[in-house]
Amino acid sequence: MTIPLIIDTDPGVDDAFALALATRSPEVDLLGVTTVFGNVSIDHTTRNAQRLLALLGSTAPVARGADRALGEVHLPDARRVHGDDGLSGKALTLPENTRIDPRDAVEFLRDTIDSTTAPVTIAAIGPLTNIARLLETHAGRIGRLVIMGGGIAGGNVTPAAEFNLWSDADAAHRVFAERPVLVPIDLTRRCAVDGAWLESLTGEVGTTLESLTTRYREFYLEANGIDGILIHDAVAVAEAIKPGILTTCRHLLDVNTSDGDSRGAIVPGAFPVDVAEDTDVEALRAFLHQRLSS
């Protein structure tokens, strides 16, 4: 039996790898993609999701979601990392796709969960605004919730906070109450791929994905002197489609929602969260390479 899956995303280069992984995995029935602000504006993330699905030959619906955090908070995006359009300036080189579901992302999520017999897995790989709004009415009805975000030992946008949780800390606090599987940057950093891995991807999809990494790759070369990229979101989607590919351990956690320097940080709390702490890194890279090149 396939896994009914919805991906909530803010594409983003690593989101592109994650979407490709889902569409090229026979374990998955991709029911749809919902978009959220984050790496770039909601206009860009929605268009990027549409065009990526066209590249991937998927007819999964796209539903546009939140354009800002709960509480009308506006925070900087990640254009300096992903490029002004989120895909290294190359979004418009992808096939055009004007199909858009008329429903808001949260309405789409609610309707899809209600109409699907099997429990629906949600892979949330951007800010958690849409998911927090969904949980206002559908707490406990999601089959499995896999989140890419957070840093146990520190952040990547501030010393304390990782980008996705920092972008909407109030939403993350709400979502932590639902016992998610959390895939933090502590693990995804260990799963980085180098330039040789990227350049060895084959097929139309694999080579196109590699071509979208130019700005992302430049950023990491400038930041740490290493030629390669972090594929955070693909690691989380791998766990969504192959439960157990990551080794998890349950911790009691929360998200700091204060207005101070630690906003968005993971802190000790009362919510049981299954934190992905380990994996066979080489096997995971091989799995991703095979799926993205096939």
Protein backbone atom coordinates (compact mmCIF):
# COMPACT_ATOMS: atom_id res chain seq x y z
CA MET A 1 0.00 0.00 0.00
CA THR A 2 1.31 3.43 -0.90
CA ILE A 3 1.66 6.26 1.61
CA PRO A 4 -0.76 9.15 1.01
CA LEU A 5 1.51 12.21 1.25
CA ILE A 6 1.14 15.97 1.15
CA ILE A 7 4.24 18.17 1.09
CA ASP A 8 4.03 21.64 2.63
CA THR A 9 6.96 23.56 1.20
CA ASP A 10 8.68 26.85 0.33
CA PRO A 11 10.79 25.97 -2.73
CA GLY A 12 13.88 26.56 -2.38
CA VAL A 13 16.65 24.46 -3.89
CA ASP A 14 16.63 21.69 -1.28
CA ASP A 15 12.82 21.66 -1.50
CA ALA A 16 13.22 20.93 -5.22
CA PHE A 17 15.25 17.83 -4.38
CA ALA A 18 12.60 16.81 -1.84
CA LEU A 19 9.75 17.17 -4.34
CA ALA A 20 11.70 15.18 -6.90
CA LEU A 21 12.31 12.42 -4.38
CA ALA A 22 8.60 12.17 -3.56
CA THR A 23 7.45 12.08 -7.19
CA ARG A 24 10.01 9.42 -8.06
CA SER A 25 9.21 7.09 -5.17
CA PRO A 26 6.71 4.28 -5.80
CA GLU A 27 5.99 4.11 -2.06
CA VAL A 28 4.18 7.45 -2.29
CA ASP A 29 0.83 8.68 -3.52
CA LEU A 30 1.51 12.42 -3.69
CA LEU A 31 -1.93 13.92 -2.99
CA GLY A 32 -0.79 17.51 -3.33
CA VAL A 33 1.66 20.25 -2.54
CA THR A 34 0.86 23.24 -0.37
CA THR A 35 3.04 26.32 -0.40
CA VAL A 36 4.16 28.74 2.27
CA PHE A 37 6.36 31.84 2.46
CA GLY A 38 9.91 31.21 3.59
CA ASN A 39 12.96 30.93 1.36
CA VAL A 40 11.32 33.48 -0.93
CA SER A 41 7.89 35.12 -1.18
CA ILE A 42 4.70 33.11 -1.50
CA ASP A 43 4.40 34.19 -5.15
CA HIS A 44 7.79 32.66 -5.89
CA THR A 45 7.35 29.52 -3.79
CA THR A 46 3.98 28.78 -5.41
CA ARG A 47 5.27 29.31 -8.92
CA ASN A 48 8.36 27.23 -8.15
CA ALA A 49 6.23 24.35 -6.86
CA GLN A 50 4.07 24.48 -10.00
CA ARG A 51 7.03 24.48 -12.35
CA LEU A 52 8.92 21.78 -10.45
CA LEU A 53 5.92 19.47 -10.62
CA ALA A 54 5.71 20.09 -14.37
CA LEU A 55 9.39 19.15 -14.70
CA LEU A 56 8.73 16.02 -12.67
CA GLY A 57 5.72 15.00 -14.75
CA SER A 58 3.40 15.18 -11.76
CA THR A 59 -0.21 16.32 -11.92
CA ALA A 60 -0.47 16.68 -8.13
CA PRO A 61 -2.43 19.84 -7.26
CA VAL A 62 -0.71 22.90 -5.79
CA ALA A 63 -2.53 25.04 -3.23
CA ARG A 64 -1.22 28.45 -2.20
CA GLY A 65 -0.81 29.03 1.53
CA ALA A 66 0.37 31.59 4.07
CA ASP A 67 2.32 34.63 2.91
CA ARG A 68 3.52 35.52 6.41
CA ALA A 69 3.83 34.17 9.91
CA LEU A 70 1.05 34.01 12.48
CA GLY A 71 0.64 37.43 14.08
CA GLU A 72 1.49 39.27 10.84
CA VAL A 73 5.21 39.03 11.55
CA HIS A 74 7.54 39.84 8.63
CA LEU A 75 11.04 38.36 8.75
CA PRO A 76 13.85 38.26 6.18
CA ASP A 77 13.78 35.47 3.61
CA ALA A 78 16.66 33.34 2.30
CA ARG A 79 17.24 34.88 -1.13
CA ARG A 80 20.94 35.26 -0.39
CA VAL A 81 21.13 31.48 -0.07
CA HIS A 82 18.70 30.28 -2.77
CA GLY A 83 18.76 33.22 -5.20
CA ASP A 84 16.19 35.93 -5.77
CA ASP A 85 13.65 33.51 -7.24
CA GLY A 86 14.46 30.64 -4.87
CA LEU A 87 16.02 28.47 -7.58
CA SER A 88 19.34 30.17 -8.34
CA GLY A 89 17.67 32.54 -10.81
CA LYS A 90 16.58 29.64 -13.02
CA ALA A 91 12.93 29.13 -12.07
CA LEU A 92 11.68 30.38 -15.44
CA THR A 93 13.81 27.80 -17.27
CA LEU A 94 11.49 25.10 -15.90
CA PRO A 95 8.34 24.06 -17.77
CA GLU A 96 5.39 26.39 -17.34
CA ASN A 97 2.50 25.16 -15.21
CA THR A 98 -0.48 27.41 -14.54
CA ARG A 99 -2.58 24.80 -12.71
CA ILE A 100 -3.49 25.95 -9.20
CA ASP A 101 -6.07 24.56 -6.81
CA PRO A 102 -8.68 27.25 -6.07
CA ARG A 103 -8.64 26.44 -2.35
CA ASP A 104 -6.37 27.98 0.24
CA ALA A 105 -3.68 25.57 1.41
CA VAL A 106 -5.38 24.95 4.76
CA GLU A 107 -8.76 24.28 3.14
CA PHE A 108 -7.05 21.92 0.70
CA LEU A 109 -5.31 20.10 3.55
CA ARG A 110 -8.56 19.73 5.49
CA ASP A 111 -10.56 18.51 2.51
CA THR A 112 -7.88 16.06 1.44
CA ILE A 113 -7.42 14.56 4.89
CA ASP A 114 -11.19 14.21 5.29
CA SER A 115 -11.66 12.53 1.90
CA THR A 116 -8.73 10.10 2.10
CA THR A 117 -9.47 6.73 3.71
CA ALA A 118 -5.90 5.96 4.79
CA PRO A 119 -4.07 8.21 7.26
CA VAL A 120 -2.29 11.05 5.45
CA THR A 121 1.38 11.81 6.06
CA ILE A 122 2.39 15.46 5.92
CA ALA A 123 5.99 16.41 5.26
CA ALA A 124 6.34 20.04 6.39
CA ILE A 125 9.62 21.36 5.03
CA GLY A 126 9.12 25.12 5.37
CA PRO A 127 7.78 27.49 8.03
CA LEU A 128 4.92 25.78 9.86
CA THR A 129 2.20 28.43 9.46
CA ASN A 130 -0.14 26.35 7.28
CA ILE A 131 0.20 23.33 9.56
CA ALA A 132 -0.52 25.32 12.72
CA ARG A 133 -3.69 26.69 11.12
CA LEU A 134 -4.71 23.20 10.02
CA LEU A 135 -4.36 21.91 13.56
CA GLU A 136 -6.98 24.37 14.80
CA THR A 137 -9.56 21.90 13.46
CA HIS A 138 -7.69 18.71 12.57
CA ALA A 139 -5.47 17.96 15.57
CA GLY A 140 -5.04 14.22 15.87
CA ARG A 141 -6.31 13.47 12.35
CA ILE A 142 -2.96 13.58 10.58
CA GLY A 143 -1.50 10.12 10.12
CA ARG A 144 2.13 11.18 10.50
CA LEU A 145 3.77 14.59 10.62
CA VAL A 146 7.41 14.86 9.59
CA ILE A 147 9.03 18.28 10.04
CA MET A 148 12.31 19.55 8.68
CA GLY A 149 13.50 22.20 11.10
CA GLY A 150 15.20 23.19 14.26
CA GLY A 151 18.65 22.72 15.65
CA ILE A 152 19.25 20.90 18.90
CA ALA A 153 22.78 22.26 19.28
CA GLY A 154 22.14 25.66 17.69
CA GLY A 155 20.74 27.37 14.64
CA ASN A 156 21.64 28.49 11.14
CA VAL A 157 19.87 31.85 11.00
CA THR A 158 20.73 32.93 14.54
CA PRO A 159 23.08 31.22 16.98
CA ALA A 160 20.03 29.65 18.62
CA ALA A 161 17.44 29.14 15.86
CA GLU A 162 17.05 27.32 12.56
CA PHE A 163 15.34 29.14 9.68
CA ASN A 164 12.04 27.24 9.42
CA LEU A 165 11.19 27.41 13.12
CA TRP A 166 12.49 30.98 13.45
CA SER A 167 10.30 32.10 10.52
CA ASP A 168 7.16 31.31 12.55
CA ALA A 169 8.03 30.36 16.11
CA ASP A 170 4.41 30.60 17.28
CA ALA A 171 3.33 28.12 14.63
CA ALA A 172 6.20 25.77 15.51
CA HIS A 173 5.19 25.85 19.19
CA ARG A 174 1.67 24.79 18.19
CA VAL A 175 2.87 22.02 15.91
CA PHE A 176 5.25 20.55 18.50
CA ALA A 177 2.17 19.64 20.54
CA GLU A 178 1.22 17.04 17.88
CA ARG A 179 4.13 14.62 18.51
CA PRO A 180 5.89 15.19 15.18
CA VAL A 181 8.98 13.54 13.81
CA LEU A 182 11.57 16.32 13.76
CA VAL A 183 14.48 16.21 11.32
CA PRO A 184 16.88 18.88 12.61
CA ILE A 185 19.92 20.47 11.03
CA ASP A 186 22.14 18.55 13.44
CA LEU A 187 21.46 15.49 11.26
CA THR A 188 20.87 17.07 7.85
CA ARG A 189 24.28 18.77 8.01
CA ARG A 190 25.86 15.33 8.27
CA CYS A 191 24.01 14.29 5.10
CA ALA A 192 25.46 17.03 2.88
CA VAL A 193 26.39 16.10 -0.69
CA ASP A 194 29.45 17.36 -2.53
CA GLY A 195 29.92 18.74 -6.01
CA ALA A 196 30.94 15.38 -7.44
CA TRP A 197 27.72 13.80 -6.13
CA LEU A 198 25.65 16.56 -7.72
CA GLU A 199 27.45 16.36 -11.03
CA SER A 200 26.99 12.60 -11.20
CA LEU A 201 23.18 12.87 -11.18
CA THR A 202 21.81 11.62 -14.48
CA GLY A 203 18.64 11.87 -16.53
CA GLU A 204 16.61 14.99 -17.28
CA VAL A 205 15.48 15.42 -13.68
CA GLY A 206 18.86 14.77 -12.11
CA THR A 207 20.77 17.10 -14.39
CA THR A 208 18.11 19.82 -14.08
CA LEU A 209 18.23 19.61 -10.28
CA GLU A 210 22.01 20.00 -10.41
CA SER A 211 21.63 23.07 -12.62
CA LEU A 212 19.36 24.71 -10.02
CA THR A 213 22.06 24.55 -7.33
CA THR A 214 24.45 27.20 -8.64
CA ARG A 215 23.64 30.00 -6.16
CA TYR A 216 23.07 27.55 -3.32
CA ARG A 217 26.43 25.94 -4.04
CA GLU A 218 28.17 29.32 -4.22
CA PHE A 219 26.71 30.26 -0.85
CA TYR A 220 28.12 27.20 0.89
CA LEU A 221 31.47 27.61 -0.84
CA GLU A 222 31.62 31.23 0.37
CA ALA A 223 30.40 30.31 3.86
CA ASN A 224 32.59 27.32 4.64
CA GLY A 225 34.97 26.75 1.75
CA ILE A 226 33.39 23.42 0.80
CA ASP A 227 31.97 22.63 -2.64
CA GLY A 228 28.62 21.02 -1.91
CA ILE A 229 25.13 21.66 -0.61
CA LEU A 230 22.86 20.73 2.26
CA ILE A 231 19.76 18.83 1.14
CA HIS A 232 17.87 19.34 4.40
CA ASP A 233 14.38 18.84 2.99
CA ALA A 234 15.16 15.72 0.97
CA VAL A 235 16.41 14.05 4.16
CA ALA A 236 13.07 14.74 5.85
CA VAL A 237 11.04 13.53 2.86
CA ALA A 238 13.14 10.34 2.78
CA GLU A 239 11.87 9.63 6.31
CA ALA A 240 8.30 10.42 5.26
CA ILE A 241 8.37 7.88 2.42
CA LYS A 242 10.57 5.24 4.13
CA PRO A 243 9.78 5.40 7.85
CA GLY A 244 12.80 4.30 9.84
CA ILE A 245 15.46 5.34 7.32
CA LEU A 246 16.39 7.82 10.06
CA THR A 247 16.92 6.73 13.66
CA THR A 248 14.78 8.75 16.08
CA CYS A 249 14.72 9.25 19.83
CA ARG A 250 11.87 10.82 21.78
CA HIS A 251 12.58 14.03 23.72
CA LEU A 252 10.38 16.49 25.63
CA LEU A 253 10.76 19.77 23.78
CA ASP A 254 9.20 23.14 22.95
CA VAL A 255 9.97 26.19 20.82
CA ASN A 256 10.98 29.53 22.28
CA THR A 257 8.33 32.11 21.33
CA SER A 258 9.83 35.06 23.19
CA ASP A 259 10.82 38.25 21.40
CA GLY A 260 14.47 37.88 22.37
CA ASP A 261 17.54 36.57 20.58
CA SER A 262 16.50 32.97 21.27
CA ARG A 263 13.15 33.18 19.46
CA GLY A 264 12.63 30.04 17.39
CA ALA A 265 15.13 27.96 19.34
CA ILE A 266 14.32 24.44 20.48
CA VAL A 267 14.17 24.30 24.27
CA PRO A 268 13.25 21.66 26.87
CA GLY A 269 9.48 21.44 27.25
CA ALA A 270 6.45 19.22 27.72
CA PHE A 271 5.86 18.03 24.13
CA PRO A 272 7.06 14.55 23.09
CA VAL A 273 8.96 14.95 19.83
CA ASP A 274 10.67 12.13 17.92
CA VAL A 275 13.99 13.68 16.94
CA ALA A 276 15.93 12.16 14.03
CA GLU A 277 19.43 11.71 15.42
CA ASP A 278 21.22 9.26 13.13
CA THR A 279 21.20 7.44 9.81
CA ASP A 280 23.49 5.44 7.56
CA VAL A 281 24.68 8.52 5.72
CA GLU A 282 26.28 6.76 2.76
CA ALA A 283 23.24 4.53 2.28
CA LEU A 284 20.96 7.56 2.43
CA ARG A 285 23.04 9.42 -0.16
CA ALA A 286 22.98 6.33 -2.41
CA PHE A 287 19.20 6.04 -2.02
CA LEU A 288 18.68 9.70 -2.94
CA HIS A 289 21.09 9.47 -5.88
CA GLN A 290 19.35 6.44 -7.33
CA ARG A 291 15.88 7.96 -7.03
CA LEU A 292 16.87 11.36 -8.41
CA SER A 293 18.79 9.86 -11.34
CA SER A 294 16.23 7.24 -12.35
